[in-house]
Structure formats: C-alpha cells, structure tokens
Amino acid sequence: MKTLRLDAAELGIDFNAALKLATAIAVQHLGEETMLLSWYDRERDLESPAGVSECHEGCATKGSWDYALNRGARLAVEFDAGRFFFCFL
C-alpha cells in the first residue's frame, strides 16, 4: 500500500478536514471510484471499522491499518505521524 505522510500540524486541521483532504488526495491518485476502507483518529482513540484493534493489543500495527492491508488497500494518507490516517481502495 502506498503511503503519503503529511505534516499538517501548523494548519490546525481537525478530523473532518483531514478526511476531506485525504479523500481529495485519494480521488486524485486512484480515481473517482475510490472507497475509504478504514481510518484511525488518535486524539479520540476511535477507528473504523470499530473493534478491529481488539486482537492487535500490544502490536505495533493498528487493527484498522491491518484491516485495510488485508482487503487490498492501495493508498494510505497519514497526518502528523499517525494523528489520523485514512486507507483507501
């Protein structure tokens, strides 16, 4: 999975703004038919799909990242060293 890492701390963007930017990047790289497979929000400790990290406790890889990898994700957009990430197919 190709990963784009963005340092956007100076912009002060929140989760929703990061999602919009990540989606626009995914459409640019993958086309209009892109689909968001998973995401993670470290600030709120939330992820989608919910609960996929339960079996990853103590692992270096977040469950939402592993979920996307195992479903053929082609692009991940990560903000501020893991503050948010979004994985797309």
PDB file of N, CA and C in Angstrom:
ATOM      1  N   MET A   1       0.859  -1.163   0.000  1.00  0.00           N
ATOM      2  CA  MET A   1       0.000   0.000   0.000  1.00  0.00           C
ATOM      3  C   MET A   1       0.907   1.228   0.000  1.00  0.00           C
ATOM      4  N   LYS A   2       0.661   2.123  -0.926  1.00  0.00           N
ATOM      5  CA  LYS A   2       1.405   3.371  -0.985  1.00  0.00           C
ATOM      6  C   LYS A   2       0.937   4.255   0.169  1.00  0.00           C
ATOM      7  N   THR A   3       1.884   4.893   0.846  1.00  0.00           N
ATOM      8  CA  THR A   3       1.545   5.736   1.986  1.00  0.00           C
ATOM      9  C   THR A   3       2.067   7.147   1.765  1.00  0.00           C
ATOM     10  N   LEU A   4       1.164   8.103   1.891  1.00  0.00           N
ATOM     11  CA  LEU A   4       1.530   9.521   1.842  1.00  0.00           C
ATOM     12  C   LEU A   4       1.475  10.056   3.262  1.00  0.00           C
ATOM     13  N   ARG A   5       2.579  10.598   3.718  1.00  0.00           N
ATOM     14  CA  ARG A   5       2.647  11.146   5.071  1.00  0.00           C
ATOM     15  C   ARG A   5       2.696  12.666   4.991  1.00  0.00           C
ATOM     16  N   LEU A   6       1.727  13.301   5.641  1.00  0.00           N
ATOM     17  CA  LEU A   6       1.612  14.751   5.597  1.00  0.00           C
ATOM     18  C   LEU A   6       1.815  15.346   6.980  1.00  0.00           C
ATOM     19  N   ASP A   7       2.579  16.418   7.051  1.00  0.00           N
ATOM     20  CA  ASP A   7       2.752  17.166   8.287  1.00  0.00           C
ATOM     21  C   ASP A   7       1.860  18.392   8.184  1.00  0.00           C
ATOM     22  N   ALA A   8       0.719  18.322   8.841  1.00  0.00           N
ATOM     23  CA  ALA A   8      -0.264  19.401   8.737  1.00  0.00           C
ATOM     24  C   ALA A   8      -0.522  20.060  10.086  1.00  0.00           C
ATOM     25  N   ALA A   9       0.354  19.837  11.053  1.00  0.00           N
ATOM     26  CA  ALA A   9       0.149  20.361  12.402  1.00  0.00           C
ATOM     27  C   ALA A   9      -0.028  21.879  12.396  1.00  0.00           C
ATOM     28  N   GLU A  10       0.734  22.564  11.568  1.00  0.00           N
ATOM     29  CA  GLU A  10       0.644  24.027  11.522  1.00  0.00           C
ATOM     30  C   GLU A  10      -0.694  24.515  10.987  1.00  0.00           C
ATOM     31  N   LEU A  11      -1.393  23.667  10.253  1.00  0.00           N
ATOM     32  CA  LEU A  11      -2.693  24.059   9.708  1.00  0.00           C
ATOM     33  C   LEU A  11      -3.803  23.970  10.751  1.00  0.00           C
ATOM     34  N   GLY A  12      -3.573  23.186  11.796  1.00  0.00           N
ATOM     35  CA  GLY A  12      -4.575  23.048  12.848  1.00  0.00           C
ATOM     36  C   GLY A  12      -5.861  22.390  12.389  1.00  0.00           C
ATOM     37  N   ILE A  13      -5.759  21.453  11.455  1.00  0.00           N
ATOM     38  CA  ILE A  13      -6.974  20.821  10.930  1.00  0.00           C
ATOM     39  C   ILE A  13      -7.489  19.753  11.897  1.00  0.00           C
ATOM     40  N   ASP A  14      -8.795  19.585  11.893  1.00  0.00           N
ATOM     41  CA  ASP A  14      -9.415  18.557  12.723  1.00  0.00           C
ATOM     42  C   ASP A  14      -9.661  17.302  11.887  1.00  0.00           C
ATOM     43  N   PHE A  15     -10.295  16.308  12.497  1.00  0.00           N
ATOM     44  CA  PHE A  15     -10.540  15.041  11.828  1.00  0.00           C
ATOM     45  C   PHE A  15     -11.326  15.225  10.531  1.00  0.00           C
ATOM     46  N   ASN A  16     -12.396  15.995  10.569  1.00  0.00           N
ATOM     47  CA  ASN A  16     -13.240  16.161   9.376  1.00  0.00           C
ATOM     48  C   ASN A  16     -12.489  16.819   8.230  1.00  0.00           C
ATOM     49  N   ALA A  17     -11.671  17.827   8.537  1.00  0.00           N
ATOM     50  CA  ALA A  17     -10.883  18.482   7.495  1.00  0.00           C
ATOM     51  C   ALA A  17      -9.831  17.525   6.942  1.00  0.00           C
ATOM     52  N   ALA A  18      -9.229  16.732   7.813  1.00  0.00           N
ATOM     53  CA  ALA A  18      -8.242  15.747   7.373  1.00  0.00           C
ATOM     54  C   ALA A  18      -8.897  14.706   6.469  1.00  0.00           C
ATOM     55  N   LEU A  19     -10.095  14.273   6.822  1.00  0.00           N
ATOM     56  CA  LEU A  19     -10.820  13.302   5.999  1.00  0.00           C
ATOM     57  C   LEU A  19     -11.114  13.877   4.609  1.00  0.00           C
ATOM     58  N   LYS A  20     -11.563  15.111   4.547  1.00  0.00           N
ATOM     59  CA  LYS A  20     -11.846  15.741   3.249  1.00  0.00           C
ATOM     60  C   LYS A  20     -10.585  15.845   2.396  1.00  0.00           C
ATOM     61  N   LEU A  21      -9.475  16.248   3.013  1.00  0.00           N
ATOM     62  CA  LEU A  21      -8.216  16.363   2.288  1.00  0.00           C
ATOM     63  C   LEU A  21      -7.727  14.997   1.832  1.00  0.00           C
ATOM     64  N   ALA A  22      -7.792  14.006   2.708  1.00  0.00           N
ATOM     65  CA  ALA A  22      -7.357  12.650   2.353  1.00  0.00           C
ATOM     66  C   ALA A  22      -8.201  12.089   1.219  1.00  0.00           C
ATOM     67  N   THR A  23      -9.499  12.334   1.247  1.00  0.00           N
ATOM     68  CA  THR A  23     -10.385  11.851   0.187  1.00  0.00           C
ATOM     69  C   THR A  23     -10.052  12.511  -1.139  1.00  0.00           C
ATOM     70  N   ALA A  24      -9.795  13.813  -1.118  1.00  0.00           N
ATOM     71  CA  ALA A  24      -9.420  14.515  -2.347  1.00  0.00           C
ATOM     72  C   ALA A  24      -8.109  13.962  -2.909  1.00  0.00           C
ATOM     73  N   ILE A  25      -7.166  13.666  -2.038  1.00  0.00           N
ATOM     74  CA  ILE A  25      -5.891  13.075  -2.470  1.00  0.00           C
ATOM     75  C   ILE A  25      -6.130  11.697  -3.071  1.00  0.00           C
ATOM     76  N   ALA A  26      -6.971  10.903  -2.429  1.00  0.00           N
ATOM     77  CA  ALA A  26      -7.261   9.554  -2.924  1.00  0.00           C
ATOM     78  C   ALA A  26      -7.931   9.604  -4.298  1.00  0.00           C
ATOM     79  N   VAL A  27      -8.864  10.513  -4.480  1.00  0.00           N
ATOM     80  CA  VAL A  27      -9.530  10.649  -5.777  1.00  0.00           C
ATOM     81  C   VAL A  27      -8.509  11.041  -6.844  1.00  0.00           C
ATOM     82  N   GLN A  28      -7.605  11.929  -6.501  1.00  0.00           N
ATOM     83  CA  GLN A  28      -6.568  12.353  -7.445  1.00  0.00           C
ATOM     84  C   GLN A  28      -5.669  11.185  -7.847  1.00  0.00           C
ATOM     85  N   HIS A  29      -5.317  10.340  -6.891  1.00  0.00           N
ATOM     86  CA  HIS A  29      -4.393   9.233  -7.156  1.00  0.00           C
ATOM     87  C   HIS A  29      -5.072   7.964  -7.676  1.00  0.00           C
ATOM     88  N   LEU A  30      -6.301   7.710  -7.216  1.00  0.00           N
ATOM     89  CA  LEU A  30      -6.959   6.438  -7.529  1.00  0.00           C
ATOM     90  C   LEU A  30      -8.174   6.580  -8.438  1.00  0.00           C
ATOM     91  N   GLY A  31      -8.680   7.784  -8.593  1.00  0.00           N
ATOM     92  CA  GLY A  31      -9.863   7.989  -9.420  1.00  0.00           C
ATOM     93  C   GLY A  31     -11.123   8.138  -8.589  1.00  0.00           C
ATOM     94  N   GLU A  32     -12.197   8.466  -9.278  1.00  0.00           N
ATOM     95  CA  GLU A  32     -13.482   8.751  -8.634  1.00  0.00           C
ATOM     96  C   GLU A  32     -14.091   7.561  -7.902  1.00  0.00           C
ATOM     97  N   GLU A  33     -13.721   6.360  -8.282  1.00  0.00           N
ATOM     98  CA  GLU A  33     -14.317   5.158  -7.703  1.00  0.00           C
ATOM     99  C   GLU A  33     -13.634   4.714  -6.408  1.00  0.00           C
ATOM    100  N   THR A  34     -12.806   5.569  -5.827  1.00  0.00           N
ATOM    101  CA  THR A  34     -12.104   5.205  -4.602  1.00  0.00           C
ATOM    102  C   THR A  34     -13.081   4.979  -3.449  1.00  0.00           C
ATOM    103  N   MET A  35     -12.662   4.132  -2.517  1.00  0.00           N
ATOM    104  CA  MET A  35     -13.509   3.817  -1.371  1.00  0.00           C
ATOM    105  C   MET A  35     -12.660   3.849  -0.104  1.00  0.00           C
ATOM    106  N   LEU A  36     -13.157   4.514   0.920  1.00  0.00           N
ATOM    107  CA  LEU A  36     -12.492   4.548   2.218  1.00  0.00           C
ATOM    108  C   LEU A  36     -12.727   3.209   2.914  1.00  0.00           C
ATOM    109  N   LEU A  37     -11.637   2.493   3.208  1.00  0.00           N
ATOM    110  CA  LEU A  37     -11.749   1.188   3.864  1.00  0.00           C
ATOM    111  C   LEU A  37     -11.669   1.281   5.377  1.00  0.00           C
ATOM    112  N   SER A  38     -10.766   2.129   5.865  1.00  0.00           N
ATOM    113  CA  SER A  38     -10.597   2.238   7.308  1.00  0.00           C
ATOM    114  C   SER A  38      -9.966   3.582   7.647  1.00  0.00           C
ATOM    115  N   TRP A  39     -10.065   3.941   8.916  1.00  0.00           N
ATOM    116  CA  TRP A  39      -9.444   5.165   9.399  1.00  0.00           C
ATOM    117  C   TRP A  39      -9.152   5.036  10.875  1.00  0.00           C
ATOM    118  N   TYR A  40      -8.293   5.952  11.368  1.00  0.00           N
ATOM    119  CA  TYR A  40      -7.943   5.997  12.784  1.00  0.00           C
ATOM    120  C   TYR A  40      -7.785   7.442  13.216  1.00  0.00           C
ATOM    121  N   ASP A  41      -8.304   7.762  14.390  1.00  0.00           N
ATOM    122  CA  ASP A  41      -8.214   9.090  14.994  1.00  0.00           C
ATOM    123  C   ASP A  41      -7.588   8.918  16.373  1.00  0.00           C
ATOM    124  N   ARG A  42      -6.295   9.218  16.488  1.00  0.00           N
ATOM    125  CA  ARG A  42      -5.574   9.013  17.746  1.00  0.00           C
ATOM    126  C   ARG A  42      -6.098   9.922  18.856  1.00  0.00           C
ATOM    127  N   GLU A  43      -6.493  11.146  18.525  1.00  0.00           N
ATOM    128  CA  GLU A  43      -6.953  12.089  19.545  1.00  0.00           C
ATOM    129  C   GLU A  43      -8.174  11.582  20.298  1.00  0.00           C
ATOM    130  N   ARG A  44      -9.094  10.967  19.587  1.00  0.00           N
ATOM    131  CA  ARG A  44     -10.311  10.429  20.217  1.00  0.00           C
ATOM    132  C   ARG A  44     -10.231   8.926  20.448  1.00  0.00           C
ATOM    133  N   ASP A  45      -9.121   8.318  20.029  1.00  0.00           N
ATOM    134  CA  ASP A  45      -8.924   6.873  20.109  1.00  0.00           C
ATOM    135  C   ASP A  45     -10.114   6.126  19.493  1.00  0.00           C
ATOM    136  N   LEU A  46     -10.466   6.562  18.277  1.00  0.00           N
ATOM    137  CA  LEU A  46     -11.551   5.940  17.515  1.00  0.00           C
ATOM    138  C   LEU A  46     -10.999   5.385  16.218  1.00  0.00           C
ATOM    139  N   GLU A  47     -11.639   4.336  15.731  1.00  0.00           N
ATOM    140  CA  GLU A  47     -11.239   3.739  14.468  1.00  0.00           C
ATOM    141  C   GLU A  47     -12.454   3.170  13.763  1.00  0.00           C
ATOM    142  N   SER A  48     -12.276   2.948  12.495  1.00  0.00           N
ATOM    143  CA  SER A  48     -13.301   2.286  11.707  1.00  0.00           C
ATOM    144  C   SER A  48     -12.613   1.306  10.778  1.00  0.00           C
ATOM    145  N   PRO A  49     -13.129   0.106  10.704  1.00  0.00           N
ATOM    146  CA  PRO A  49     -14.270  -0.449  11.422  1.00  0.00           C
ATOM    147  C   PRO A  49     -13.984  -0.549  12.926  1.00  0.00           C
ATOM    148  N   ALA A  50     -15.025  -0.329  13.688  1.00  0.00           N
ATOM    149  CA  ALA A  50     -14.907  -0.367  15.146  1.00  0.00           C
ATOM    150  C   ALA A  50     -14.477  -1.754  15.612  1.00  0.00           C
ATOM    151  N   GLY A  51     -13.567  -1.764  16.565  1.00  0.00           N
ATOM    152  CA  GLY A  51     -13.171  -3.022  17.195  1.00  0.00           C
ATOM    153  C   GLY A  51     -12.094  -3.809  16.502  1.00  0.00           C
ATOM    154  N   VAL A  52     -11.592  -3.360  15.352  1.00  0.00           N
ATOM    155  CA  VAL A  52     -10.596  -4.168  14.646  1.00  0.00           C
ATOM    156  C   VAL A  52      -9.244  -4.203  15.350  1.00  0.00           C
ATOM    157  N   SER A  53      -9.022  -3.330  16.310  1.00  0.00           N
ATOM    158  CA  SER A  53      -7.755  -3.354  17.047  1.00  0.00           C
ATOM    159  C   SER A  53      -7.800  -4.231  18.287  1.00  0.00           C
ATOM    160  N   GLU A  54      -8.959  -4.791  18.603  1.00  0.00           N
ATOM    161  CA  GLU A  54      -9.066  -5.631  19.793  1.00  0.00           C
ATOM    162  C   GLU A  54      -8.086  -6.793  19.773  1.00  0.00           C
ATOM    163  N   CYS A  55      -7.875  -7.390  18.613  1.00  0.00           N
ATOM    164  CA  CYS A  55      -6.954  -8.513  18.518  1.00  0.00           C
ATOM    165  C   CYS A  55      -5.519  -8.053  18.245  1.00  0.00           C
ATOM    166  N   HIS A  56      -5.288  -6.741  18.217  1.00  0.00           N
ATOM    167  CA  HIS A  56      -3.962  -6.193  17.955  1.00  0.00           C
ATOM    168  C   HIS A  56      -3.348  -5.533  19.190  1.00  0.00           C
ATOM    169  N   GLU A  57      -3.920  -5.780  20.367  1.00  0.00           N
ATOM    170  CA  GLU A  57      -3.372  -5.168  21.579  1.00  0.00           C
ATOM    171  C   GLU A  57      -1.938  -5.611  21.758  1.00  0.00           C
ATOM    172  N   GLY A  58      -1.073  -4.647  21.989  1.00  0.00           N
ATOM    173  CA  GLY A  58       0.338  -4.933  22.150  1.00  0.00           C
ATOM    174  C   GLY A  58       1.101  -5.022  20.839  1.00  0.00           C
ATOM    175  N   CYS A  59       0.412  -4.898  19.722  1.00  0.00           N
ATOM    176  CA  CYS A  59       1.055  -4.964  18.405  1.00  0.00           C
ATOM    177  C   CYS A  59       1.420  -3.547  17.947  1.00  0.00           C
ATOM    178  N   ALA A  60       2.455  -3.478  17.156  1.00  0.00           N
ATOM    179  CA  ALA A  60       2.871  -2.176  16.610  1.00  0.00           C
ATOM    180  C   ALA A  60       1.917  -1.687  15.530  1.00  0.00           C
ATOM    181  N   THR A  61       1.213  -2.594  14.862  1.00  0.00           N
ATOM    182  CA  THR A  61       0.304  -2.238  13.767  1.00  0.00           C
ATOM    183  C   THR A  61      -1.119  -2.092  14.296  1.00  0.00           C
ATOM    184  N   LYS A  62      -1.748  -0.950  13.999  1.00  0.00           N
ATOM    185  CA  LYS A  62      -3.147  -0.740  14.380  1.00  0.00           C
ATOM    186  C   LYS A  62      -4.033  -1.689  13.582  1.00  0.00           C
ATOM    187  N   GLY A  63      -5.103  -2.134  14.197  1.00  0.00           N
ATOM    188  CA  GLY A  63      -6.026  -3.043  13.537  1.00  0.00           C
ATOM    189  C   GLY A  63      -6.657  -2.452  12.302  1.00  0.00           C
ATOM    190  N   SER A  64      -6.944  -1.155  12.324  1.00  0.00           N
ATOM    191  CA  SER A  64      -7.566  -0.507  11.158  1.00  0.00           C
ATOM    192  C   SER A  64      -6.603  -0.464   9.970  1.00  0.00           C
ATOM    193  N   TRP A  65      -5.297  -0.378  10.234  1.00  0.00           N
ATOM    194  CA  TRP A  65      -4.285  -0.417   9.169  1.00  0.00           C
ATOM    195  C   TRP A  65      -4.205  -1.836   8.601  1.00  0.00           C
ATOM    196  N   ASP A  66      -4.133  -2.815   9.476  1.00  0.00           N
ATOM    197  CA  ASP A  66      -4.053  -4.219   9.063  1.00  0.00           C
ATOM    198  C   ASP A  66      -5.317  -4.632   8.299  1.00  0.00           C
ATOM    199  N   TYR A  67      -6.457  -4.167   8.753  1.00  0.00           N
ATOM    200  CA  TYR A  67      -7.730  -4.440   8.079  1.00  0.00           C
ATOM    201  C   TYR A  67      -7.652  -3.986   6.620  1.00  0.00           C
ATOM    202  N   ALA A  68      -7.188  -2.757   6.411  1.00  0.00           N
ATOM    203  CA  ALA A  68      -7.090  -2.208   5.052  1.00  0.00           C
ATOM    204  C   ALA A  68      -6.093  -2.996   4.202  1.00  0.00           C
ATOM    205  N   LEU A  69      -4.947  -3.314   4.777  1.00  0.00           N
ATOM    206  CA  LEU A  69      -3.935  -4.086   4.042  1.00  0.00           C
ATOM    207  C   LEU A  69      -4.490  -5.416   3.552  1.00  0.00           C
ATOM    208  N   ASN A  70      -5.249  -6.081   4.411  1.00  0.00           N
ATOM    209  CA  ASN A  70      -5.779  -7.396   4.073  1.00  0.00           C
ATOM    210  C   ASN A  70      -6.991  -7.353   3.147  1.00  0.00           C
ATOM    211  N   ARG A  71      -7.439  -6.165   2.821  1.00  0.00           N
ATOM    212  CA  ARG A  71      -8.563  -6.011   1.891  1.00  0.00           C
ATOM    213  C   ARG A  71      -8.163  -5.273   0.620  1.00  0.00           C
ATOM    214  N   GLY A  72      -6.865  -5.198   0.384  1.00  0.00           N
ATOM    215  CA  GLY A  72      -6.372  -4.665  -0.877  1.00  0.00           C
ATOM    216  C   GLY A  72      -6.246  -3.165  -0.968  1.00  0.00           C
ATOM    217  N   ALA A  73      -6.147  -2.482   0.153  1.00  0.00           N
ATOM    218  CA  ALA A  73      -5.992  -1.024   0.111  1.00  0.00           C
ATOM    219  C   ALA A  73      -4.804  -0.644  -0.761  1.00  0.00           C
ATOM    220  N   ARG A  74      -4.969   0.416  -1.502  1.00  0.00           N
ATOM    221  CA  ARG A  74      -3.916   0.861  -2.424  1.00  0.00           C
ATOM    222  C   ARG A  74      -3.252   2.149  -1.968  1.00  0.00           C
ATOM    223  N   LEU A  75      -3.910   2.911  -1.085  1.00  0.00           N
ATOM    224  CA  LEU A  75      -3.361   4.194  -0.663  1.00  0.00           C
ATOM    225  C   LEU A  75      -3.736   4.471   0.788  1.00  0.00           C
ATOM    226  N   ALA A  76      -2.749   4.921   1.557  1.00  0.00           N
ATOM    227  CA  ALA A  76      -2.988   5.412   2.914  1.00  0.00           C
ATOM    228  C   ALA A  76      -2.515   6.857   2.968  1.00  0.00           C
ATOM    229  N   VAL A  77      -3.294   7.691   3.605  1.00  0.00           N
ATOM    230  CA  VAL A  77      -2.908   9.080   3.827  1.00  0.00           C
ATOM    231  C   VAL A  77      -2.827   9.259   5.343  1.00  0.00           C
ATOM    232  N   GLU A  78      -1.624   9.555   5.813  1.00  0.00           N
ATOM    233  CA  GLU A  78      -1.366   9.686   7.248  1.00  0.00           C
ATOM    234  C   GLU A  78      -1.025  11.134   7.572  1.00  0.00           C
ATOM    235  N   PHE A  79      -1.619  11.646   8.624  1.00  0.00           N
ATOM    236  CA  PHE A  79      -1.386  13.024   9.052  1.00  0.00           C
ATOM    237  C   PHE A  79      -0.625  13.046  10.368  1.00  0.00           C
ATOM    238  N   ASP A  80       0.365  13.914  10.432  1.00  0.00           N
ATOM    239  CA  ASP A  80       1.068  14.228  11.672  1.00  0.00           C
ATOM    240  C   ASP A  80       1.521  12.985  12.449  1.00  0.00           C
ATOM    241  N   ALA A  81       2.285  12.149  11.781  1.00  0.00           N
ATOM    242  CA  ALA A  81       2.896  10.960  12.400  1.00  0.00           C
ATOM    243  C   ALA A  81       1.887  10.062  13.103  1.00  0.00           C
ATOM    244  N   GLY A  82       0.752   9.848  12.449  1.00  0.00           N
ATOM    245  CA  GLY A  82      -0.243   8.917  12.969  1.00  0.00           C
ATOM    246  C   GLY A  82      -1.382   9.546  13.745  1.00  0.00           C
ATOM    247  N   ARG A  83      -1.446  10.860  13.780  1.00  0.00           N
ATOM    248  CA  ARG A  83      -2.571  11.530  14.454  1.00  0.00           C
ATOM    249  C   ARG A  83      -3.893  11.072  13.848  1.00  0.00           C
ATOM    250  N   PHE A  84      -3.935  11.050  12.520  1.00  0.00           N
ATOM    251  CA  PHE A  84      -5.054  10.481  11.765  1.00  0.00           C
ATOM    252  C   PHE A  84      -4.458   9.676  10.623  1.00  0.00           C
ATOM    253  N   PHE A  85      -5.136   8.604  10.216  1.00  0.00           N
ATOM    254  CA  PHE A  85      -4.813   8.000   8.929  1.00  0.00           C
ATOM    255  C   PHE A  85      -6.084   7.461   8.298  1.00  0.00           C
ATOM    256  N   PHE A  86      -6.043   7.420   6.969  1.00  0.00           N
ATOM    257  CA  PHE A  86      -7.183   7.003   6.151  1.00  0.00           C
ATOM    258  C   PHE A  86      -6.663   6.069   5.081  1.00  0.00           C
ATOM    259  N   CYS A  87      -7.281   4.898   4.926  1.00  0.00           N
ATOM    260  CA  CYS A  87      -6.837   3.902   3.949  1.00  0.00           C
ATOM    261  C   CYS A  87      -7.923   3.720   2.888  1.00  0.00           C
ATOM    262  N   PHE A  88      -7.500   3.745   1.634  1.00  0.00           N
ATOM    263  CA  PHE A  88      -8.430   3.721   0.507  1.00  0.00           C
ATOM    264  C   PHE A  88      -8.144   2.566  -0.442  1.00  0.00           C
ATOM    265  N   LEU A  89      -9.212   2.090  -1.067  1.00  0.00           N
ATOM    266  CA  LEU A  89      -9.169   1.076  -2.108  1.00  0.00           C
ATOM    267  C   LEU A  89      -9.547   1.739  -3.415  1.00  0.00           C
TER     268      LEU A  89
END
